[in-house]
Amino acid sequence: MQRHESLQPLSREHHQTLKIARRLQWGEPDADLLRDLAEHRGELAAHFVTEESIGRQARGQCHDDAILAAQLEQMESEHRQIEQQLAEVLDGQGDRAAYHRLGELLVAHVRFEERELFNRLQEGCLPGQAGGAHD
């Protein structure tokens, strides 16, 4: 499915996040990975702000869509989990398993957004679209 223009930059950022996630899952927690992860932290924070802003707008556009509301709650909850796990790893509290868990969280989160949330948003819940009719 072709992504709506407002979601295309987010999908491109997801690609970068997946690269780091795979390194977290299968690479060694070395200085290079920590540096890249620390640099990516700011990008992730900005990414989350953008997604949550789009989510608030979508709630207004499709206020009666219970599935979308649940997906947006899941997105925000996962953002907080990722931020917490990322802080643990970057603060030096995380062991090898913590790196792996963060990688798994990131992969699962990107898959959820790309396969479920973004598809739902594109069904008429993005700003400028006619309101979607959902069950």
C-alpha atoms as a PDB file:
ATOM      1  CA  MET A   1       0.000   0.000   0.000  1.00  0.00           C
ATOM      2  CA  GLN A   2       1.310   3.419  -0.946  1.00  0.00           C
ATOM      3  CA  ARG A   3       1.773   5.523   2.162  1.00  0.00           C
ATOM      4  CA  HIS A   4      -0.083   8.795   2.587  1.00  0.00           C
ATOM      5  CA  GLU A   5       2.318  11.710   2.153  1.00  0.00           C
ATOM      6  CA  SER A   6       2.062  12.645   5.846  1.00  0.00           C
ATOM      7  CA  LEU A   7       3.227   9.138   6.841  1.00  0.00           C
ATOM      8  CA  GLN A   8       6.018   8.697   4.296  1.00  0.00           C
ATOM      9  CA  PRO A   9       8.739  10.432   6.376  1.00  0.00           C
ATOM     10  CA  LEU A  10       7.763   8.311   9.383  1.00  0.00           C
ATOM     11  CA  SER A  11       8.051   5.128   7.320  1.00  0.00           C
ATOM     12  CA  ARG A  12      11.514   6.167   6.153  1.00  0.00           C
ATOM     13  CA  GLU A  13      12.532   6.807   9.761  1.00  0.00           C
ATOM     14  CA  HIS A  14      11.202   3.366  10.662  1.00  0.00           C
ATOM     15  CA  HIS A  15      13.716   1.884   8.241  1.00  0.00           C
ATOM     16  CA  GLN A  16      16.582   3.549  10.123  1.00  0.00           C
ATOM     17  CA  THR A  17      15.170   2.400  13.448  1.00  0.00           C
ATOM     18  CA  LEU A  18      14.986  -1.186  12.197  1.00  0.00           C
ATOM     19  CA  LYS A  19      18.674  -1.098  11.278  1.00  0.00           C
ATOM     20  CA  ILE A  20      19.580  -0.132  14.832  1.00  0.00           C
ATOM     21  CA  ALA A  21      17.050  -2.594  16.277  1.00  0.00           C
ATOM     22  CA  ARG A  22      18.681  -5.481  14.424  1.00  0.00           C
ATOM     23  CA  ARG A  23      22.086  -4.438  15.754  1.00  0.00           C
ATOM     24  CA  LEU A  24      20.622  -4.350  19.267  1.00  0.00           C
ATOM     25  CA  GLN A  25      19.174  -7.812  18.837  1.00  0.00           C
ATOM     26  CA  TRP A  26      22.133  -9.523  17.254  1.00  0.00           C
ATOM     27  CA  GLY A  27      25.190  -7.302  17.619  1.00  0.00           C
ATOM     28  CA  GLU A  28      27.581  -6.745  20.451  1.00  0.00           C
ATOM     29  CA  PRO A  29      26.820  -3.900  22.880  1.00  0.00           C
ATOM     30  CA  ASP A  30      30.008  -2.016  22.044  1.00  0.00           C
ATOM     31  CA  ALA A  31      30.940   1.675  22.020  1.00  0.00           C
ATOM     32  CA  ASP A  32      29.892   2.122  18.366  1.00  0.00           C
ATOM     33  CA  LEU A  33      26.420   0.747  19.010  1.00  0.00           C
ATOM     34  CA  LEU A  34      26.013   2.889  22.136  1.00  0.00           C
ATOM     35  CA  ARG A  35      27.103   6.002  20.233  1.00  0.00           C
ATOM     36  CA  ASP A  36      24.683   5.290  17.380  1.00  0.00           C
ATOM     37  CA  LEU A  37      21.900   4.559  19.824  1.00  0.00           C
ATOM     38  CA  ALA A  38      22.540   7.780  21.750  1.00  0.00           C
ATOM     39  CA  GLU A  39      22.427   9.743  18.493  1.00  0.00           C
ATOM     40  CA  HIS A  40      19.225   7.975  17.464  1.00  0.00           C
ATOM     41  CA  ARG A  41      17.573   8.769  20.816  1.00  0.00           C
ATOM     42  CA  GLY A  42      16.841  12.359  19.792  1.00  0.00           C
ATOM     43  CA  GLU A  43      15.502  11.241  16.424  1.00  0.00           C
ATOM     44  CA  LEU A  44      13.233   8.735  18.154  1.00  0.00           C
ATOM     45  CA  ALA A  45      11.934  11.378  20.560  1.00  0.00           C
ATOM     46  CA  ALA A  46      11.059  13.712  17.677  1.00  0.00           C
ATOM     47  CA  HIS A  47       9.536  10.792  15.766  1.00  0.00           C
ATOM     48  CA  PHE A  48       7.319   9.907  18.733  1.00  0.00           C
ATOM     49  CA  VAL A  49       6.159  13.518  19.093  1.00  0.00           C
ATOM     50  CA  THR A  50       5.178  13.601  15.410  1.00  0.00           C
ATOM     51  CA  GLU A  51       3.330  10.290  15.585  1.00  0.00           C
ATOM     52  CA  GLU A  52       1.459  11.306  18.720  1.00  0.00           C
ATOM     53  CA  SER A  53       0.492  14.621  17.127  1.00  0.00           C
ATOM     54  CA  ILE A  54      -0.868  12.812  14.070  1.00  0.00           C
ATOM     55  CA  GLY A  55      -2.658  10.485  16.486  1.00  0.00           C
ATOM     56  CA  ARG A  56      -4.388  13.382  18.268  1.00  0.00           C
ATOM     57  CA  GLN A  57      -5.511  14.792  14.931  1.00  0.00           C
ATOM     58  CA  ALA A  58      -6.747  11.370  13.821  1.00  0.00           C
ATOM     59  CA  ARG A  59      -8.784  10.997  17.023  1.00  0.00           C
ATOM     60  CA  GLY A  60     -10.511  14.254  16.142  1.00  0.00           C
ATOM     61  CA  GLN A  61     -11.069  13.161  12.552  1.00  0.00           C
ATOM     62  CA  CYS A  62     -12.406   9.690  13.470  1.00  0.00           C
ATOM     63  CA  HIS A  63     -13.603  10.191  17.045  1.00  0.00           C
ATOM     64  CA  ASP A  64     -16.005   7.228  16.881  1.00  0.00           C
ATOM     65  CA  ASP A  65     -13.415   4.684  15.674  1.00  0.00           C
ATOM     66  CA  ALA A  66     -12.834   2.402  18.670  1.00  0.00           C
ATOM     67  CA  ILE A  67     -10.214   0.304  16.861  1.00  0.00           C
ATOM     68  CA  LEU A  68      -8.187   3.381  15.990  1.00  0.00           C
ATOM     69  CA  ALA A  69      -8.477   4.648  19.565  1.00  0.00           C
ATOM     70  CA  ALA A  70      -7.125   1.337  20.892  1.00  0.00           C
ATOM     71  CA  GLN A  71      -4.287   1.369  18.360  1.00  0.00           C
ATOM     72  CA  LEU A  72      -3.323   4.917  19.318  1.00  0.00           C
ATOM     73  CA  GLU A  73      -3.304   3.957  23.005  1.00  0.00           C
ATOM     74  CA  GLN A  74      -1.065   0.998  22.161  1.00  0.00           C
ATOM     75  CA  MET A  75       1.270   3.263  20.183  1.00  0.00           C
ATOM     76  CA  GLU A  76       1.641   5.700  23.064  1.00  0.00           C
ATOM     77  CA  SER A  77       2.159   2.899  25.588  1.00  0.00           C
ATOM     78  CA  GLU A  78       4.854   1.352  23.411  1.00  0.00           C
ATOM     79  CA  HIS A  79       6.549   4.734  23.041  1.00  0.00           C
ATOM     80  CA  ARG A  80       6.839   4.954  26.835  1.00  0.00           C
ATOM     81  CA  GLN A  81       8.158   1.372  27.068  1.00  0.00           C
ATOM     82  CA  ILE A  82      10.772   2.068  24.399  1.00  0.00           C
ATOM     83  CA  GLU A  83      11.853   5.292  26.118  1.00  0.00           C
ATOM     84  CA  GLN A  84      12.203   3.463  29.442  1.00  0.00           C
ATOM     85  CA  GLN A  85      14.208   0.578  27.955  1.00  0.00           C
ATOM     86  CA  LEU A  86      16.362   3.002  25.956  1.00  0.00           C
ATOM     87  CA  ALA A  87      17.160   4.996  29.100  1.00  0.00           C
ATOM     88  CA  GLU A  88      18.143   1.792  30.911  1.00  0.00           C
ATOM     89  CA  VAL A  89      20.529   0.785  28.141  1.00  0.00           C
ATOM     90  CA  LEU A  90      22.055   4.243  27.678  1.00  0.00           C
ATOM     91  CA  ASP A  91      22.424   4.818  31.413  1.00  0.00           C
ATOM     92  CA  GLY A  92      24.617   1.738  31.591  1.00  0.00           C
ATOM     93  CA  GLN A  93      22.091  -0.257  33.609  1.00  0.00           C
ATOM     94  CA  GLY A  94      21.347  -2.707  30.825  1.00  0.00           C
ATOM     95  CA  ASP A  95      23.024  -6.031  30.241  1.00  0.00           C
ATOM     96  CA  ARG A  96      23.121  -7.940  26.941  1.00  0.00           C
ATOM     97  CA  ALA A  97      19.521  -9.055  27.496  1.00  0.00           C
ATOM     98  CA  ALA A  98      18.393  -5.418  27.856  1.00  0.00           C
ATOM     99  CA  TYR A  99      19.879  -4.592  24.452  1.00  0.00           C
ATOM    100  CA  HIS A 100      18.081  -7.546  22.938  1.00  0.00           C
ATOM    101  CA  ARG A 101      14.764  -6.576  24.581  1.00  0.00           C
ATOM    102  CA  LEU A 102      15.081  -3.023  23.253  1.00  0.00           C
ATOM    103  CA  GLY A 103      15.728  -4.364  19.769  1.00  0.00           C
ATOM    104  CA  GLU A 104      12.687  -6.628  20.021  1.00  0.00           C
ATOM    105  CA  LEU A 105      10.513  -3.759  21.267  1.00  0.00           C
ATOM    106  CA  LEU A 106      11.581  -1.544  18.384  1.00  0.00           C
ATOM    107  CA  VAL A 107      10.980  -4.216  15.738  1.00  0.00           C
ATOM    108  CA  ALA A 108       7.545  -5.133  17.133  1.00  0.00           C
ATOM    109  CA  HIS A 109       6.583  -1.470  17.417  1.00  0.00           C
ATOM    110  CA  VAL A 110       7.577  -0.612  13.837  1.00  0.00           C
ATOM    111  CA  ARG A 111       5.733  -3.676  12.535  1.00  0.00           C
ATOM    112  CA  PHE A 112       2.604  -2.703  14.460  1.00  0.00           C
ATOM    113  CA  GLU A 113       2.654   0.842  13.142  1.00  0.00           C
ATOM    114  CA  GLU A 114       3.403  -0.100   9.537  1.00  0.00           C
ATOM    115  CA  ARG A 115       1.034  -3.077   9.307  1.00  0.00           C
ATOM    116  CA  GLU A 116      -1.853  -1.935  11.477  1.00  0.00           C
ATOM    117  CA  LEU A 117      -1.890   1.658  12.693  1.00  0.00           C
ATOM    118  CA  PHE A 118      -0.765   3.411   9.519  1.00  0.00           C
ATOM    119  CA  ASN A 119      -3.175   1.337   7.417  1.00  0.00           C
ATOM    120  CA  ARG A 120      -6.032   2.299   9.733  1.00  0.00           C
ATOM    121  CA  LEU A 121      -5.039   5.971   9.606  1.00  0.00           C
ATOM    122  CA  GLN A 122      -5.044   5.891   5.814  1.00  0.00           C
ATOM    123  CA  GLU A 123      -8.650   4.701   5.770  1.00  0.00           C
ATOM    124  CA  GLY A 124      -9.834   8.287   6.223  1.00  0.00           C
ATOM    125  CA  CYS A 125      -8.513   9.414   9.594  1.00  0.00           C
ATOM    126  CA  LEU A 126      -5.653  11.650   8.527  1.00  0.00           C
ATOM    127  CA  PRO A 127      -6.084  15.431   8.478  1.00  0.00           C
ATOM    128  CA  GLY A 128      -7.540  16.575   5.170  1.00  0.00           C
ATOM    129  CA  GLN A 129      -9.217  13.230   4.444  1.00  0.00           C
ATOM    130  CA  ALA A 130     -12.946  12.645   4.596  1.00  0.00           C
ATOM    131  CA  GLY A 131     -13.803  10.882   7.850  1.00  0.00           C
ATOM    132  CA  GLY A 132     -13.574   7.126   7.566  1.00  0.00           C
ATOM    133  CA  ALA A 133     -16.488   4.832   8.255  1.00  0.00           C
ATOM    134  CA  HIS A 134     -15.195   2.110  10.562  1.00  0.00           C
ATOM    135  CA  ASP A 135     -16.817  -0.617  12.562  1.00  0.00           C
END
